[in-house]
PDB file of all heavy atoms in Angstrom:
ATOM      1  N   ASP A   1     -17.634  -4.034   5.789  1.00  0.00           N
ATOM      2  CA  ASP A   1     -17.052  -2.721   5.419  1.00  0.00           C
ATOM      3  C   ASP A   1     -15.714  -2.589   6.185  1.00  0.00           C
ATOM      4  O   ASP A   1     -15.724  -2.556   7.406  1.00  0.00           O
ATOM      5  CB  ASP A   1     -18.018  -1.614   5.711  1.00  0.00           C
ATOM      6  CG  ASP A   1     -18.534  -1.598   7.140  1.00  0.00           C
ATOM      7  OD1 ASP A   1     -18.560  -2.665   7.762  1.00  0.00           O
ATOM      8  OD2 ASP A   1     -19.001  -0.516   7.624  1.00  0.00           O
ATOM      9  N   TRP A   2     -14.623  -2.516   5.450  1.00  0.00           N
ATOM     10  CA  TRP A   2     -13.306  -2.514   6.053  1.00  0.00           C
ATOM     11  C   TRP A   2     -12.736  -1.108   5.831  1.00  0.00           C
ATOM     12  O   TRP A   2     -12.781  -0.518   4.750  1.00  0.00           O
ATOM     13  CB  TRP A   2     -12.427  -3.530   5.392  1.00  0.00           C
ATOM     14  CG  TRP A   2     -12.865  -4.964   5.591  1.00  0.00           C
ATOM     15  CD1 TRP A   2     -13.918  -5.409   6.328  1.00  0.00           C
ATOM     16  CD2 TRP A   2     -12.262  -6.115   4.990  1.00  0.00           C
ATOM     17  NE1 TRP A   2     -14.000  -6.766   6.250  1.00  0.00           N
ATOM     18  CE2 TRP A   2     -13.005  -7.231   5.440  1.00  0.00           C
ATOM     19  CE3 TRP A   2     -11.174  -6.307   4.178  1.00  0.00           C
ATOM     20  CZ2 TRP A   2     -12.692  -8.512   5.061  1.00  0.00           C
ATOM     21  CZ3 TRP A   2     -10.867  -7.610   3.731  1.00  0.00           C
ATOM     22  CH2 TRP A   2     -11.609  -8.708   4.210  1.00  0.00           C
ATOM     23  N   VAL A   3     -12.092  -0.582   6.872  1.00  0.00           N
ATOM     24  CA  VAL A   3     -11.530   0.775   6.832  1.00  0.00           C
ATOM     25  C   VAL A   3     -10.044   0.667   6.903  1.00  0.00           C
ATOM     26  O   VAL A   3      -9.456   0.235   7.938  1.00  0.00           O
ATOM     27  CB  VAL A   3     -12.072   1.646   7.966  1.00  0.00           C
ATOM     28  CG1 VAL A   3     -11.495   3.040   7.869  1.00  0.00           C
ATOM     29  CG2 VAL A   3     -13.587   1.699   7.911  1.00  0.00           C
ATOM     30  N   PHE A   4      -9.352   1.062   5.816  1.00  0.00           N
ATOM     31  CA  PHE A   4      -7.876   1.080   5.763  1.00  0.00           C
ATOM     32  C   PHE A   4      -7.461   2.345   4.992  1.00  0.00           C
ATOM     33  O   PHE A   4      -8.164   2.771   4.041  1.00  0.00           O
ATOM     34  CB  PHE A   4      -7.327  -0.101   5.008  1.00  0.00           C
ATOM     35  CG  PHE A   4      -7.541  -1.444   5.630  1.00  0.00           C
ATOM     36  CD1 PHE A   4      -8.415  -2.366   5.056  1.00  0.00           C
ATOM     37  CD2 PHE A   4      -6.934  -1.787   6.823  1.00  0.00           C
ATOM     38  CE1 PHE A   4      -8.616  -3.603   5.614  1.00  0.00           C
ATOM     39  CE2 PHE A   4      -7.103  -3.031   7.392  1.00  0.00           C
ATOM     40  CZ  PHE A   4      -7.958  -3.973   6.810  1.00  0.00           C
ATOM     41  N   PRO A   5      -6.319   2.906   5.331  1.00  0.00           N
ATOM     42  CA  PRO A   5      -5.772   3.999   4.474  1.00  0.00           C
ATOM     43  C   PRO A   5      -5.143   3.444   3.240  1.00  0.00           C
ATOM     44  O   PRO A   5      -4.846   2.259   3.140  1.00  0.00           O
ATOM     45  CB  PRO A   5      -4.743   4.621   5.404  1.00  0.00           C
ATOM     46  CG  PRO A   5      -4.284   3.545   6.267  1.00  0.00           C
ATOM     47  CD  PRO A   5      -5.470   2.689   6.508  1.00  0.00           C
ATOM     48  N   LEU A   6      -4.956   4.251   2.225  1.00  0.00           N
ATOM     49  CA  LEU A   6      -4.202   3.908   1.060  1.00  0.00           C
ATOM     50  C   LEU A   6      -2.766   3.574   1.496  1.00  0.00           C
ATOM     51  O   LEU A   6      -2.278   4.021   2.530  1.00  0.00           O
ATOM     52  CB  LEU A   6      -4.194   5.048   0.070  1.00  0.00           C
ATOM     53  CG  LEU A   6      -5.459   5.353  -0.701  1.00  0.00           C
ATOM     54  CD1 LEU A   6      -5.411   6.695  -1.352  1.00  0.00           C
ATOM     55  CD2 LEU A   6      -5.822   4.247  -1.678  1.00  0.00           C
ATOM     56  N   CYS A   7      -2.097   2.784   0.664  1.00  0.00           N
ATOM     57  CA  CYS A   7      -0.701   2.442   0.967  1.00  0.00           C
ATOM     58  C   CYS A   7       0.161   3.687   0.944  1.00  0.00           C
ATOM     59  O   CYS A   7       0.087   4.509   0.043  1.00  0.00           O
ATOM     60  CB  CYS A   7      -0.244   1.448  -0.074  1.00  0.00           C
ATOM     61  SG  CYS A   7       1.455   0.889   0.211  1.00  0.00           S
ATOM     62  N   GLY A   8       0.892   3.881   2.069  1.00  0.00           N
ATOM     63  CA  GLY A   8       1.749   5.030   2.134  1.00  0.00           C
ATOM     64  C   GLY A   8       2.867   4.850   3.143  1.00  0.00           C
ATOM     65  O   GLY A   8       3.102   3.732   3.594  1.00  0.00           O
ATOM     66  N   GLY A   9       3.597   5.894   3.408  1.00  0.00           N
ATOM     67  CA  GLY A   9       4.674   5.812   4.347  1.00  0.00           C
ATOM     68  C   GLY A   9       5.789   4.906   3.893  1.00  0.00           C
ATOM     69  O   GLY A   9       6.068   4.739   2.709  1.00  0.00           O
ATOM     70  N   ALA A  10       6.428   4.229   4.878  1.00  0.00           N
ATOM     71  CA  ALA A  10       7.547   3.335   4.561  1.00  0.00           C
ATOM     72  C   ALA A  10       7.138   2.159   3.769  1.00  0.00           C
ATOM     73  O   ALA A  10       7.958   1.569   3.056  1.00  0.00           O
ATOM     74  CB  ALA A  10       8.189   2.899   5.889  1.00  0.00           C
ATOM     75  N   GLU A  11       5.873   1.807   3.813  1.00  0.00           N
ATOM     76  CA  GLU A  11       5.372   0.636   3.068  1.00  0.00           C
ATOM     77  C   GLU A  11       5.311   0.916   1.582  1.00  0.00           C
ATOM     78  O   GLU A  11       5.454   0.000   0.746  1.00  0.00           O
ATOM     79  CB  GLU A  11       3.998   0.217   3.579  1.00  0.00           C
ATOM     80  CG  GLU A  11       3.464  -1.043   2.936  1.00  0.00           C
ATOM     81  CD  GLU A  11       2.041  -1.359   3.430  1.00  0.00           C
ATOM     82  OE1 GLU A  11       1.746  -1.096   4.624  1.00  0.00           O
ATOM     83  OE2 GLU A  11       1.260  -1.863   2.618  1.00  0.00           O
ATOM     84  N   ARG A  12       5.103   2.148   1.162  1.00  0.00           N
ATOM     85  CA  ARG A  12       4.978   2.528  -0.231  1.00  0.00           C
ATOM     86  C   ARG A  12       6.346   2.411  -0.908  1.00  0.00           C
ATOM     87  O   ARG A  12       7.248   3.139  -0.524  1.00  0.00           O
ATOM     88  CB  ARG A  12       4.402   3.893  -0.362  1.00  0.00           C
ATOM     89  CG  ARG A  12       4.475   4.506  -1.707  1.00  0.00           C
ATOM     90  CD  ARG A  12       3.650   3.794  -2.777  1.00  0.00           C
ATOM     91  NE  ARG A  12       2.228   4.130  -2.705  1.00  0.00           N
ATOM     92  CZ  ARG A  12       1.347   3.788  -3.564  1.00  0.00           C
ATOM     93  NH1 ARG A  12       1.731   3.065  -4.649  1.00  0.00           N
ATOM     94  NH2 ARG A  12       0.084   4.095  -3.435  1.00  0.00           N
ATOM     95  N   LEU A  13       6.459   1.550  -1.867  1.00  0.00           N
ATOM     96  CA  LEU A  13       7.701   1.395  -2.608  1.00  0.00           C
ATOM     97  C   LEU A  13       7.906   2.518  -3.551  1.00  0.00           C
ATOM     98  O   LEU A  13       6.934   2.938  -4.269  1.00  0.00           O
ATOM     99  CB  LEU A  13       7.727   0.058  -3.349  1.00  0.00           C
ATOM    100  CG  LEU A  13       7.587  -1.222  -2.503  1.00  0.00           C
ATOM    101  CD1 LEU A  13       7.744  -2.452  -3.367  1.00  0.00           C
ATOM    102  CD2 LEU A  13       8.598  -1.266  -1.389  1.00  0.00           C
ATOM    103  N   LYS A  14       9.133   3.042  -3.664  1.00  0.00           N
ATOM    104  CA  LYS A  14       9.392   4.177  -4.533  1.00  0.00           C
ATOM    105  C   LYS A  14      10.609   3.910  -5.395  1.00  0.00           C
ATOM    106  O   LYS A  14      11.493   3.154  -5.037  1.00  0.00           O
ATOM    107  CB  LYS A  14       9.582   5.454  -3.693  1.00  0.00           C
ATOM    108  CG  LYS A  14       8.333   5.916  -2.965  1.00  0.00           C
ATOM    109  CD  LYS A  14       8.539   7.253  -2.289  1.00  0.00           C
ATOM    110  CE  LYS A  14       7.233   7.659  -1.590  1.00  0.00           C
ATOM    111  NZ  LYS A  14       7.401   8.994  -0.940  1.00  0.00           N
ATOM    112  N   ARG A  15      10.629   4.577  -6.530  1.00  0.00           N
ATOM    113  CA  ARG A  15      11.750   4.532  -7.451  1.00  0.00           C
ATOM    114  C   ARG A  15      12.018   5.912  -7.912  1.00  0.00           C
ATOM    115  O   ARG A  15      11.132   6.618  -8.429  1.00  0.00           O
ATOM    116  CB  ARG A  15      11.428   3.608  -8.637  1.00  0.00           C
ATOM    117  CG  ARG A  15      12.547   3.529  -9.655  1.00  0.00           C
ATOM    118  CD  ARG A  15      12.126   2.691 -10.854  1.00  0.00           C
ATOM    119  NE  ARG A  15      12.068   1.271 -10.503  1.00  0.00           N
ATOM    120  CZ  ARG A  15      11.200   0.434 -11.030  1.00  0.00           C
ATOM    121  NH1 ARG A  15      10.260   0.856 -11.800  1.00  0.00           N
ATOM    122  NH2 ARG A  15      11.254  -0.865 -10.673  1.00  0.00           N
ATOM    123  N   ASP A  16      13.238   6.409  -7.699  1.00  0.00           N
ATOM    124  CA  ASP A  16      13.623   7.786  -8.043  1.00  0.00           C
ATOM    125  C   ASP A  16      12.712   8.789  -7.379  1.00  0.00           C
ATOM    126  O   ASP A  16      12.307   9.813  -8.005  1.00  0.00           O
ATOM    127  CB  ASP A  16      13.588   7.975  -9.553  1.00  0.00           C
ATOM    128  CG  ASP A  16      14.598   7.069 -10.296  1.00  0.00           C
ATOM    129  OD1 ASP A  16      15.625   6.792  -9.701  1.00  0.00           O
ATOM    130  OD2 ASP A  16      14.285   6.660 -11.413  1.00  0.00           O
ATOM    131  N   GLY A  17      12.275   8.511  -6.169  1.00  0.00           N
ATOM    132  CA  GLY A  17      11.452   9.416  -5.383  1.00  0.00           C
ATOM    133  C   GLY A  17       9.972   9.431  -5.739  1.00  0.00           C
ATOM    134  O   GLY A  17       9.184  10.127  -5.113  1.00  0.00           O
ATOM    135  N   LYS A  18       9.571   8.579  -6.704  1.00  0.00           N
ATOM    136  CA  LYS A  18       8.187   8.500  -7.121  1.00  0.00           C
ATOM    137  C   LYS A  18       7.621   7.116  -6.800  1.00  0.00           C
ATOM    138  O   LYS A  18       8.401   6.152  -6.666  1.00  0.00           O
ATOM    139  CB  LYS A  18       8.054   8.778  -8.649  1.00  0.00           C
ATOM    140  CG  LYS A  18       8.483  10.184  -9.012  1.00  0.00           C
ATOM    141  CD  LYS A  18       8.320  10.426 -10.500  1.00  0.00           C
ATOM    142  CE  LYS A  18       8.746  11.762 -10.912  1.00  0.00           C
ATOM    143  NZ  LYS A  18       8.564  12.046 -12.393  1.00  0.00           N
ATOM    144  N   LYS A  19       6.298   7.003  -6.707  1.00  0.00           N
ATOM    145  CA  LYS A  19       5.702   5.714  -6.492  1.00  0.00           C
ATOM    146  C   LYS A  19       6.142   4.726  -7.528  1.00  0.00           C
ATOM    147  O   LYS A  19       6.044   4.959  -8.755  1.00  0.00           O
ATOM    148  CB  LYS A  19       4.147   5.871  -6.530  1.00  0.00           C
ATOM    149  CG  LYS A  19       3.540   6.665  -5.367  1.00  0.00           C
ATOM    150  CD  LYS A  19       2.027   6.631  -5.395  1.00  0.00           C
ATOM    151  CE  LYS A  19       1.443   7.313  -6.624  1.00  0.00           C
ATOM    152  NZ  LYS A  19      -0.026   7.401  -6.529  1.00  0.00           N
ATOM    153  N   ALA A  20       6.593   3.535  -7.053  1.00  0.00           N
ATOM    154  CA  ALA A  20       7.079   2.512  -7.972  1.00  0.00           C
ATOM    155  C   ALA A  20       5.912   1.876  -8.725  1.00  0.00           C
ATOM    156  O   ALA A  20       6.088   1.444  -9.864  1.00  0.00           O
ATOM    157  CB  ALA A  20       7.850   1.471  -7.221  1.00  0.00           C
ATOM    158  N   HIS A  21       4.773   1.794  -8.082  1.00  0.00           N
ATOM    159  CA  HIS A  21       3.581   1.219  -8.706  1.00  0.00           C
ATOM    160  C   HIS A  21       2.361   2.080  -8.316  1.00  0.00           C
ATOM    161  O   HIS A  21       2.221   2.415  -7.191  1.00  0.00           O
ATOM    162  CB  HIS A  21       3.344  -0.202  -8.201  1.00  0.00           C
ATOM    163  CG  HIS A  21       2.379  -1.001  -9.031  1.00  0.00           C
ATOM    164  ND1 HIS A  21       1.058  -0.711  -9.056  1.00  0.00           N
ATOM    165  CD2 HIS A  21       2.585  -2.082  -9.823  1.00  0.00           C
ATOM    166  CE1 HIS A  21       0.452  -1.567  -9.883  1.00  0.00           C
ATOM    167  NE2 HIS A  21       1.349  -2.384 -10.345  1.00  0.00           N
ATOM    168  N   PRO A  22       1.595   2.456  -9.294  1.00  0.00           N
ATOM    169  CA  PRO A  22       0.491   3.411  -9.016  1.00  0.00           C
ATOM    170  C   PRO A  22      -0.620   2.845  -8.130  1.00  0.00           C
ATOM    171  O   PRO A  22      -1.345   3.630  -7.519  1.00  0.00           O
ATOM    172  CB  PRO A  22      -0.035   3.786 -10.377  1.00  0.00           C
ATOM    173  CG  PRO A  22       0.279   2.589 -11.215  1.00  0.00           C
ATOM    174  CD  PRO A  22       1.579   2.058 -10.716  1.00  0.00           C
ATOM    175  N   THR A  23      -0.769   1.542  -8.040  1.00  0.00           N
ATOM    176  CA  THR A  23      -1.905   0.999  -7.303  1.00  0.00           C
ATOM    177  C   THR A  23      -1.483  -0.026  -6.259  1.00  0.00           C
ATOM    178  O   THR A  23      -2.199  -1.020  -6.057  1.00  0.00           O
ATOM    179  CB  THR A  23      -2.942   0.360  -8.294  1.00  0.00           C
ATOM    180  OG1 THR A  23      -2.311  -0.747  -8.943  1.00  0.00           O
ATOM    181  CG2 THR A  23      -3.401   1.373  -9.309  1.00  0.00           C
ATOM    182  N   GLN A  24      -0.354   0.161  -5.634  1.00  0.00           N
ATOM    183  CA  GLN A  24       0.118  -0.768  -4.620  1.00  0.00           C
ATOM    184  C   GLN A  24      -0.902  -0.817  -3.500  1.00  0.00           C
ATOM    185  O   GLN A  24      -1.344   0.173  -2.932  1.00  0.00           O
ATOM    186  CB  GLN A  24       1.467  -0.307  -4.063  1.00  0.00           C
ATOM    187  CG  GLN A  24       2.048  -1.233  -2.998  1.00  0.00           C
ATOM    188  CD  GLN A  24       3.348  -0.707  -2.413  1.00  0.00           C
ATOM    189  OE1 GLN A  24       4.070   0.035  -3.115  1.00  0.00           O
ATOM    190  NE2 GLN A  24       3.712  -1.102  -1.228  1.00  0.00           N
ATOM    191  N   LYS A  25      -1.332  -2.018  -3.134  1.00  0.00           N
ATOM    192  CA  LYS A  25      -2.350  -2.203  -2.096  1.00  0.00           C
ATOM    193  C   LYS A  25      -1.658  -2.273  -0.701  1.00  0.00           C
ATOM    194  O   LYS A  25      -0.540  -2.742  -0.570  1.00  0.00           O
ATOM    195  CB  LYS A  25      -3.137  -3.493  -2.349  1.00  0.00           C
ATOM    196  CG  LYS A  25      -4.016  -3.435  -3.615  1.00  0.00           C
ATOM    197  CD  LYS A  25      -5.003  -2.325  -3.557  1.00  0.00           C
ATOM    198  CE  LYS A  25      -5.942  -2.290  -4.780  1.00  0.00           C
ATOM    199  NZ  LYS A  25      -5.244  -1.796  -5.984  1.00  0.00           N
ATOM    200  N   PRO A  26      -2.355  -1.845   0.316  1.00  0.00           N
ATOM    201  CA  PRO A  26      -1.787  -1.882   1.676  1.00  0.00           C
ATOM    202  C   PRO A  26      -1.701  -3.342   2.169  1.00  0.00           C
ATOM    203  O   PRO A  26      -2.601  -4.163   1.896  1.00  0.00           O
ATOM    204  CB  PRO A  26      -2.813  -1.076   2.525  1.00  0.00           C
ATOM    205  CG  PRO A  26      -4.087  -1.161   1.779  1.00  0.00           C
ATOM    206  CD  PRO A  26      -3.725  -1.192   0.307  1.00  0.00           C
ATOM    207  N   GLU A  27      -0.646  -3.616   2.901  1.00  0.00           N
ATOM    208  CA  GLU A  27      -0.462  -4.967   3.391  1.00  0.00           C
ATOM    209  C   GLU A  27      -1.545  -5.366   4.365  1.00  0.00           C
ATOM    210  O   GLU A  27      -1.930  -6.541   4.503  1.00  0.00           O
ATOM    211  CB  GLU A  27       0.923  -5.130   4.047  1.00  0.00           C
ATOM    212  CG  GLU A  27       2.104  -5.075   3.037  1.00  0.00           C
ATOM    213  CD  GLU A  27       3.393  -5.455   3.641  1.00  0.00           C
ATOM    214  OE1 GLU A  27       3.432  -5.890   4.830  1.00  0.00           O
ATOM    215  OE2 GLU A  27       4.431  -5.334   2.941  1.00  0.00           O
ATOM    216  N   ALA A  28      -2.151  -4.386   5.069  1.00  0.00           N
ATOM    217  CA  ALA A  28      -3.210  -4.665   6.009  1.00  0.00           C
ATOM    218  C   ALA A  28      -4.380  -5.327   5.352  1.00  0.00           C
ATOM    219  O   ALA A  28      -5.033  -6.227   5.909  1.00  0.00           O
ATOM    220  CB  ALA A  28      -3.654  -3.384   6.695  1.00  0.00           C
ATOM    221  N   LEU A  29      -4.656  -4.938   4.076  1.00  0.00           N
ATOM    222  CA  LEU A  29      -5.765  -5.519   3.342  1.00  0.00           C
ATOM    223  C   LEU A  29      -5.515  -7.000   3.072  1.00  0.00           C
ATOM    224  O   LEU A  29      -6.415  -7.842   3.288  1.00  0.00           O
ATOM    225  CB  LEU A  29      -5.959  -4.732   2.051  1.00  0.00           C
ATOM    226  CG  LEU A  29      -7.166  -5.155   1.197  1.00  0.00           C
ATOM    227  CD1 LEU A  29      -8.460  -4.723   1.832  1.00  0.00           C
ATOM    228  CD2 LEU A  29      -7.067  -4.504  -0.198  1.00  0.00           C
ATOM    229  N   LEU A  30      -4.316  -7.316   2.615  1.00  0.00           N
ATOM    230  CA  LEU A  30      -3.985  -8.728   2.320  1.00  0.00           C
ATOM    231  C   LEU A  30      -3.878  -9.516   3.599  1.00  0.00           C
ATOM    232  O   LEU A  30      -4.200 -10.724   3.597  1.00  0.00           O
ATOM    233  CB  LEU A  30      -2.701  -8.795   1.504  1.00  0.00           C
ATOM    234  CG  LEU A  30      -2.847  -8.733  -0.014  1.00  0.00           C
ATOM    235  CD1 LEU A  30      -3.681  -9.906  -0.534  1.00  0.00           C
ATOM    236  CD2 LEU A  30      -3.492  -7.428  -0.472  1.00  0.00           C
ATOM    237  N   HIS A  31      -3.394  -8.936   4.669  1.00  0.00           N
ATOM    238  CA  HIS A  31      -3.287  -9.632   5.942  1.00  0.00           C
ATOM    239  C   HIS A  31      -4.696 -10.115   6.331  1.00  0.00           C
ATOM    240  O   HIS A  31      -4.872 -11.278   6.743  1.00  0.00           O
ATOM    241  CB  HIS A  31      -2.754  -8.697   7.044  1.00  0.00           C
ATOM    242  CG  HIS A  31      -2.587  -9.337   8.384  1.00  0.00           C
ATOM    243  ND1 HIS A  31      -1.405  -9.736   8.862  1.00  0.00           N
ATOM    244  CD2 HIS A  31      -3.530  -9.603   9.378  1.00  0.00           C
ATOM    245  CE1 HIS A  31      -1.559 -10.245  10.076  1.00  0.00           C
ATOM    246  NE2 HIS A  31      -2.848 -10.172  10.378  1.00  0.00           N
ATOM    247  N   ARG A  32      -5.681  -9.258   6.243  1.00  0.00           N
ATOM    248  CA  ARG A  32      -7.031  -9.681   6.667  1.00  0.00           C
ATOM    249  C   ARG A  32      -7.585 -10.760   5.743  1.00  0.00           C
ATOM    250  O   ARG A  32      -8.222 -11.719   6.178  1.00  0.00           O
ATOM    251  CB  ARG A  32      -7.950  -8.451   6.699  1.00  0.00           C
ATOM    252  CG  ARG A  32      -9.362  -8.777   7.213  1.00  0.00           C
ATOM    253  CD  ARG A  32     -10.172  -7.546   7.434  1.00  0.00           C
ATOM    254  NE  ARG A  32      -9.636  -6.687   8.505  1.00  0.00           N
ATOM    255  CZ  ARG A  32     -10.218  -5.549   8.920  1.00  0.00           C
ATOM    256  NH1 ARG A  32     -11.359  -5.167   8.393  1.00  0.00           N
ATOM    257  NH2 ARG A  32      -9.686  -4.859   9.882  1.00  0.00           N
ATOM    258  N   ILE A  33      -7.398 -10.611   4.455  1.00  0.00           N
ATOM    259  CA  ILE A  33      -7.882 -11.593   3.529  1.00  0.00           C
ATOM    260  C   ILE A  33      -7.273 -12.993   3.724  1.00  0.00           C
ATOM    261  O   ILE A  33      -7.990 -13.982   3.835  1.00  0.00           O
ATOM    262  CB  ILE A  33      -7.621 -11.114   2.080  1.00  0.00           C
ATOM    263  CG1 ILE A  33      -8.536  -9.924   1.736  1.00  0.00           C
ATOM    264  CG2 ILE A  33      -7.812 -12.265   1.086  1.00  0.00           C
ATOM    265  CD1 ILE A  33      -8.173  -9.254   0.394  1.00  0.00           C
ATOM    266  N   LEU A  34      -5.935 -13.023   3.838  1.00  0.00           N
ATOM    267  CA  LEU A  34      -5.293 -14.331   4.021  1.00  0.00           C
ATOM    268  C   LEU A  34      -5.602 -14.954   5.384  1.00  0.00           C
ATOM    269  O   LEU A  34      -5.697 -16.156   5.559  1.00  0.00           O
ATOM    270  CB  LEU A  34      -3.795 -14.183   3.853  1.00  0.00           C
ATOM    271  CG  LEU A  34      -3.323 -13.715   2.424  1.00  0.00           C
ATOM    272  CD1 LEU A  34      -1.838 -13.866   2.261  1.00  0.00           C
ATOM    273  CD2 LEU A  34      -4.073 -14.496   1.326  1.00  0.00           C
TER     274      LEU A  34
END
């Protein structure tokens, strides 16, 4: 059971002030997997 927040802050890519992708995953999740 892994505890991470949703992708947000500076990591969340945006376009015109809105989320660029609705389901961008946090880098912390991929860091652990790889």
